[in-house]
Amino acid sequence: MKLQELELYEIKGGGISTTLLNSIARLITTVLDLGRTVGSSIRRIYGKVKK
């Protein structure tokens, strides 16, 4: 069965998928890890300067 051109315009994609949620969770985790790393580096640099 072939769809007509007008019927093709009515096709809607899925909503939020598990893959999308997983990607968002990994992005948040990566950003938090990056923040911790930068914060630790800054703390180490300022700790050496004060001594």
PDB file of N, CA and C in Angstrom:
ATOM      1  N   MET A   1       0.847  -1.179   0.000  1.00  0.00           N
ATOM      2  CA  MET A   1       0.000   0.000   0.000  1.00  0.00           C
ATOM      3  C   MET A   1       0.889   1.238   0.000  1.00  0.00           C
ATOM      4  N   LYS A   2       0.730   2.097  -0.958  1.00  0.00           N
ATOM      5  CA  LYS A   2       1.481   3.334  -1.034  1.00  0.00           C
ATOM      6  C   LYS A   2       0.648   4.471  -0.468  1.00  0.00           C
ATOM      7  N   LEU A   3       1.320   5.378   0.230  1.00  0.00           N
ATOM      8  CA  LEU A   3       0.638   6.544   0.779  1.00  0.00           C
ATOM      9  C   LEU A   3       0.642   7.673  -0.244  1.00  0.00           C
ATOM     10  N   GLN A   4      -0.412   8.424  -0.219  1.00  0.00           N
ATOM     11  CA  GLN A   4      -0.487   9.599  -1.070  1.00  0.00           C
ATOM     12  C   GLN A   4       0.362  10.714  -0.453  1.00  0.00           C
ATOM     13  N   GLU A   5       0.707  11.707  -1.247  1.00  0.00           N
ATOM     14  CA  GLU A   5       1.560  12.794  -0.769  1.00  0.00           C
ATOM     15  C   GLU A   5       0.923  13.520   0.416  1.00  0.00           C
ATOM     16  N   LEU A   6      -0.367  13.767   0.370  1.00  0.00           N
ATOM     17  CA  LEU A   6      -1.037  14.457   1.468  1.00  0.00           C
ATOM     18  C   LEU A   6      -1.022  13.619   2.736  1.00  0.00           C
ATOM     19  N   GLU A   7      -1.112  12.305   2.607  1.00  0.00           N
ATOM     20  CA  GLU A   7      -1.068  11.432   3.778  1.00  0.00           C
ATOM     21  C   GLU A   7       0.313  11.442   4.428  1.00  0.00           C
ATOM     22  N   LEU A   8       1.340  11.618   3.624  1.00  0.00           N
ATOM     23  CA  LEU A   8       2.697  11.659   4.169  1.00  0.00           C
ATOM     24  C   LEU A   8       2.902  12.868   5.078  1.00  0.00           C
ATOM     25  N   TYR A   9       2.222  13.973   4.788  1.00  0.00           N
ATOM     26  CA  TYR A   9       2.348  15.168   5.621  1.00  0.00           C
ATOM     27  C   TYR A   9       1.696  14.976   6.986  1.00  0.00           C
ATOM     28  N   GLU A  10       0.806  14.023   7.112  1.00  0.00           N
ATOM     29  CA  GLU A  10       0.094  13.787   8.367  1.00  0.00           C
ATOM     30  C   GLU A  10       0.870  12.893   9.336  1.00  0.00           C
ATOM     31  N   ILE A  11       1.956  12.303   8.887  1.00  0.00           N
ATOM     32  CA  ILE A  11       2.728  11.410   9.740  1.00  0.00           C
ATOM     33  C   ILE A  11       3.474  12.240  10.778  1.00  0.00           C
ATOM     34  N   LYS A  12       3.311  11.863  12.025  1.00  0.00           N
ATOM     35  CA  LYS A  12       3.960  12.570  13.123  1.00  0.00           C
ATOM     36  C   LYS A  12       5.003  11.643  13.732  1.00  0.00           C
ATOM     37  N   GLY A  13       6.125  12.241  14.149  1.00  0.00           N
ATOM     38  CA  GLY A  13       7.186  11.462  14.782  1.00  0.00           C
ATOM     39  C   GLY A  13       6.848  11.169  16.234  1.00  0.00           C
ATOM     40  N   GLY A  14       7.651  10.334  16.842  1.00  0.00           N
ATOM     41  CA  GLY A  14       7.453   9.983  18.243  1.00  0.00           C
ATOM     42  C   GLY A  14       7.830  11.143  19.153  1.00  0.00           C
ATOM     43  N   GLY A  15       7.502  10.999  20.394  1.00  0.00           N
ATOM     44  CA  GLY A  15       7.814  12.031  21.384  1.00  0.00           C
ATOM     45  C   GLY A  15       9.225  11.854  21.906  1.00  0.00           C
ATOM     46  N   ILE A  16       9.365  11.999  23.192  1.00  0.00           N
ATOM     47  CA  ILE A  16      10.674  11.851  23.827  1.00  0.00           C
ATOM     48  C   ILE A  16      10.989  10.362  23.924  1.00  0.00           C
ATOM     49  N   SER A  17      12.138   9.986  23.404  1.00  0.00           N
ATOM     50  CA  SER A  17      12.517   8.578  23.432  1.00  0.00           C
ATOM     51  C   SER A  17      13.510   8.319  24.563  1.00  0.00           C
ATOM     52  N   THR A  18      13.723   7.075  24.867  1.00  0.00           N
ATOM     53  CA  THR A  18      14.680   6.678  25.891  1.00  0.00           C
ATOM     54  C   THR A  18      16.084   7.105  25.501  1.00  0.00           C
ATOM     55  N   THR A  19      16.402   7.020  24.225  1.00  0.00           N
ATOM     56  CA  THR A  19      17.724   7.432  23.759  1.00  0.00           C
ATOM     57  C   THR A  19      17.955   8.911  24.016  1.00  0.00           C
ATOM     58  N   LEU A  20      16.956   9.724  23.766  1.00  0.00           N
ATOM     59  CA  LEU A  20      17.078  11.163  24.013  1.00  0.00           C
ATOM     60  C   LEU A  20      17.271  11.442  25.495  1.00  0.00           C
ATOM     61  N   LEU A  21      16.495  10.790  26.352  1.00  0.00           N
ATOM     62  CA  LEU A  21      16.639  10.979  27.794  1.00  0.00           C
ATOM     63  C   LEU A  21      18.016  10.538  28.275  1.00  0.00           C
ATOM     64  N   ASN A  22      18.518   9.437  27.740  1.00  0.00           N
ATOM     65  CA  ASN A  22      19.835   8.937  28.105  1.00  0.00           C
ATOM     66  C   ASN A  22      20.917   9.937  27.690  1.00  0.00           C
ATOM     67  N   SER A  23      20.770  10.505  26.511  1.00  0.00           N
ATOM     68  CA  SER A  23      21.737  11.496  26.025  1.00  0.00           C
ATOM     69  C   SER A  23      21.732  12.742  26.902  1.00  0.00           C
ATOM     70  N   ILE A  24      20.569  13.188  27.303  1.00  0.00           N
ATOM     71  CA  ILE A  24      20.465  14.364  28.168  1.00  0.00           C
ATOM     72  C   ILE A  24      21.102  14.082  29.526  1.00  0.00           C
ATOM     73  N   ALA A  25      20.858  12.890  30.069  1.00  0.00           N
ATOM     74  CA  ALA A  25      21.452  12.516  31.353  1.00  0.00           C
ATOM     75  C   ALA A  25      22.971  12.473  31.257  1.00  0.00           C
ATOM     76  N   ARG A  26      23.491  11.928  30.160  1.00  0.00           N
ATOM     77  CA  ARG A  26      24.949  11.886  29.981  1.00  0.00           C
ATOM     78  C   ARG A  26      25.526  13.284  29.826  1.00  0.00           C
ATOM     79  N   LEU A  27      24.812  14.160  29.147  1.00  0.00           N
ATOM     80  CA  LEU A  27      25.266  15.540  28.986  1.00  0.00           C
ATOM     81  C   LEU A  27      25.356  16.235  30.338  1.00  0.00           C
ATOM     82  N   ILE A  28      24.345  16.072  31.163  1.00  0.00           N
ATOM     83  CA  ILE A  28      24.344  16.686  32.494  1.00  0.00           C
ATOM     84  C   ILE A  28      25.492  16.139  33.331  1.00  0.00           C
ATOM     85  N   THR A  29      25.690  14.833  33.290  1.00  0.00           N
ATOM     86  CA  THR A  29      26.781  14.214  34.043  1.00  0.00           C
ATOM     87  C   THR A  29      28.132  14.733  33.573  1.00  0.00           C
ATOM     88  N   THR A  30      28.304  14.864  32.266  1.00  0.00           N
ATOM     89  CA  THR A  30      29.567  15.366  31.715  1.00  0.00           C
ATOM     90  C   THR A  30      29.820  16.807  32.141  1.00  0.00           C
ATOM     91  N   VAL A  31      28.798  17.638  32.099  1.00  0.00           N
ATOM     92  CA  VAL A  31      28.942  19.044  32.501  1.00  0.00           C
ATOM     93  C   VAL A  31      29.298  19.134  33.986  1.00  0.00           C
ATOM     94  N   LEU A  32      28.662  18.328  34.830  1.00  0.00           N
ATOM     95  CA  LEU A  32      28.975  18.344  36.256  1.00  0.00           C
ATOM     96  C   LEU A  32      30.403  17.879  36.518  1.00  0.00           C
ATOM     97  N   ASP A  33      30.841  16.833  35.831  1.00  0.00           N
ATOM     98  CA  ASP A  33      32.219  16.354  35.984  1.00  0.00           C
ATOM     99  C   ASP A  33      33.217  17.411  35.532  1.00  0.00           C
ATOM    100  N   LEU A  34      32.908  18.079  34.443  1.00  0.00           N
ATOM    101  CA  LEU A  34      33.776  19.143  33.949  1.00  0.00           C
ATOM    102  C   LEU A  34      33.872  20.283  34.967  1.00  0.00           C
ATOM    103  N   GLY A  35      32.756  20.636  35.563  1.00  0.00           N
ATOM    104  CA  GLY A  35      32.737  21.677  36.588  1.00  0.00           C
ATOM    105  C   GLY A  35      33.573  21.295  37.799  1.00  0.00           C
ATOM    106  N   ARG A  36      33.466  20.038  38.228  1.00  0.00           N
ATOM    107  CA  ARG A  36      34.276  19.575  39.354  1.00  0.00           C
ATOM    108  C   ARG A  36      35.757  19.631  39.029  1.00  0.00           C
ATOM    109  N   THR A  37      36.107  19.214  37.825  1.00  0.00           N
ATOM    110  CA  THR A  37      37.509  19.215  37.411  1.00  0.00           C
ATOM    111  C   THR A  37      38.074  20.630  37.377  1.00  0.00           C
ATOM    112  N   VAL A  38      37.337  21.547  36.787  1.00  0.00           N
ATOM    113  CA  VAL A  38      37.792  22.939  36.711  1.00  0.00           C
ATOM    114  C   VAL A  38      37.885  23.535  38.115  1.00  0.00           C
ATOM    115  N   GLY A  39      36.898  23.265  38.956  1.00  0.00           N
ATOM    116  CA  GLY A  39      36.916  23.772  40.329  1.00  0.00           C
ATOM    117  C   GLY A  39      38.104  23.250  41.119  1.00  0.00           C
ATOM    118  N   SER A  40      38.409  21.973  40.962  1.00  0.00           N
ATOM    119  CA  SER A  40      39.561  21.390  41.660  1.00  0.00           C
ATOM    120  C   SER A  40      40.861  22.002  41.171  1.00  0.00           C
ATOM    121  N   SER A  41      40.972  22.229  39.873  1.00  0.00           N
ATOM    122  CA  SER A  41      42.183  22.828  39.317  1.00  0.00           C
ATOM    123  C   SER A  41      42.373  24.242  39.845  1.00  0.00           C
ATOM    124  N   ILE A  42      41.308  25.006  39.876  1.00  0.00           N
ATOM    125  CA  ILE A  42      41.397  26.383  40.387  1.00  0.00           C
ATOM    126  C   ILE A  42      41.805  26.366  41.859  1.00  0.00           C
ATOM    127  N   ARG A  43      41.222  25.466  42.627  1.00  0.00           N
ATOM    128  CA  ARG A  43      41.554  25.369  44.041  1.00  0.00           C
ATOM    129  C   ARG A  43      43.032  25.019  44.232  1.00  0.00           C
ATOM    130  N   ARG A  44      43.537  24.097  43.410  1.00  0.00           N
ATOM    131  CA  ARG A  44      44.957  23.718  43.500  1.00  0.00           C
ATOM    132  C   ARG A  44      45.871  24.881  43.122  1.00  0.00           C
ATOM    133  N   ILE A  45      45.504  25.617  42.084  1.00  0.00           N
ATOM    134  CA  ILE A  45      46.334  26.744  41.638  1.00  0.00           C
ATOM    135  C   ILE A  45      46.377  27.824  42.724  1.00  0.00           C
ATOM    136  N   TYR A  46      45.229  28.198  43.279  1.00  0.00           N
ATOM    137  CA  TYR A  46      45.205  29.236  44.303  1.00  0.00           C
ATOM    138  C   TYR A  46      45.828  28.741  45.597  1.00  0.00           C
ATOM    139  N   GLY A  47      45.762  27.451  45.868  1.00  0.00           N
ATOM    140  CA  GLY A  47      46.382  26.884  47.060  1.00  0.00           C
ATOM    141  C   GLY A  47      47.901  26.980  46.989  1.00  0.00           C
ATOM    142  N   LYS A  48      48.471  26.796  45.803  1.00  0.00           N
ATOM    143  CA  LYS A  48      49.928  26.893  45.630  1.00  0.00           C
ATOM    144  C   LYS A  48      50.392  28.339  45.704  1.00  0.00           C
ATOM    145  N   VAL A  49      49.585  29.273  45.240  1.00  0.00           N
ATOM    146  CA  VAL A  49      49.971  30.677  45.209  1.00  0.00           C
ATOM    147  C   VAL A  49      50.045  31.232  46.641  1.00  0.00           C
ATOM    148  N   LYS A  50      49.126  30.841  47.504  1.00  0.00           N
ATOM    149  CA  LYS A  50      49.083  31.373  48.861  1.00  0.00           C
ATOM    150  C   LYS A  50      50.251  30.890  49.709  1.00  0.00           C
ATOM    151  N   LYS A  51      50.777  29.721  49.418  1.00  0.00           N
ATOM    152  CA  LYS A  51      51.868  29.165  50.248  1.00  0.00           C
ATOM    153  C   LYS A  51      53.149  29.763  49.922  1.00  0.00           C
TER     154      LYS A  51
END
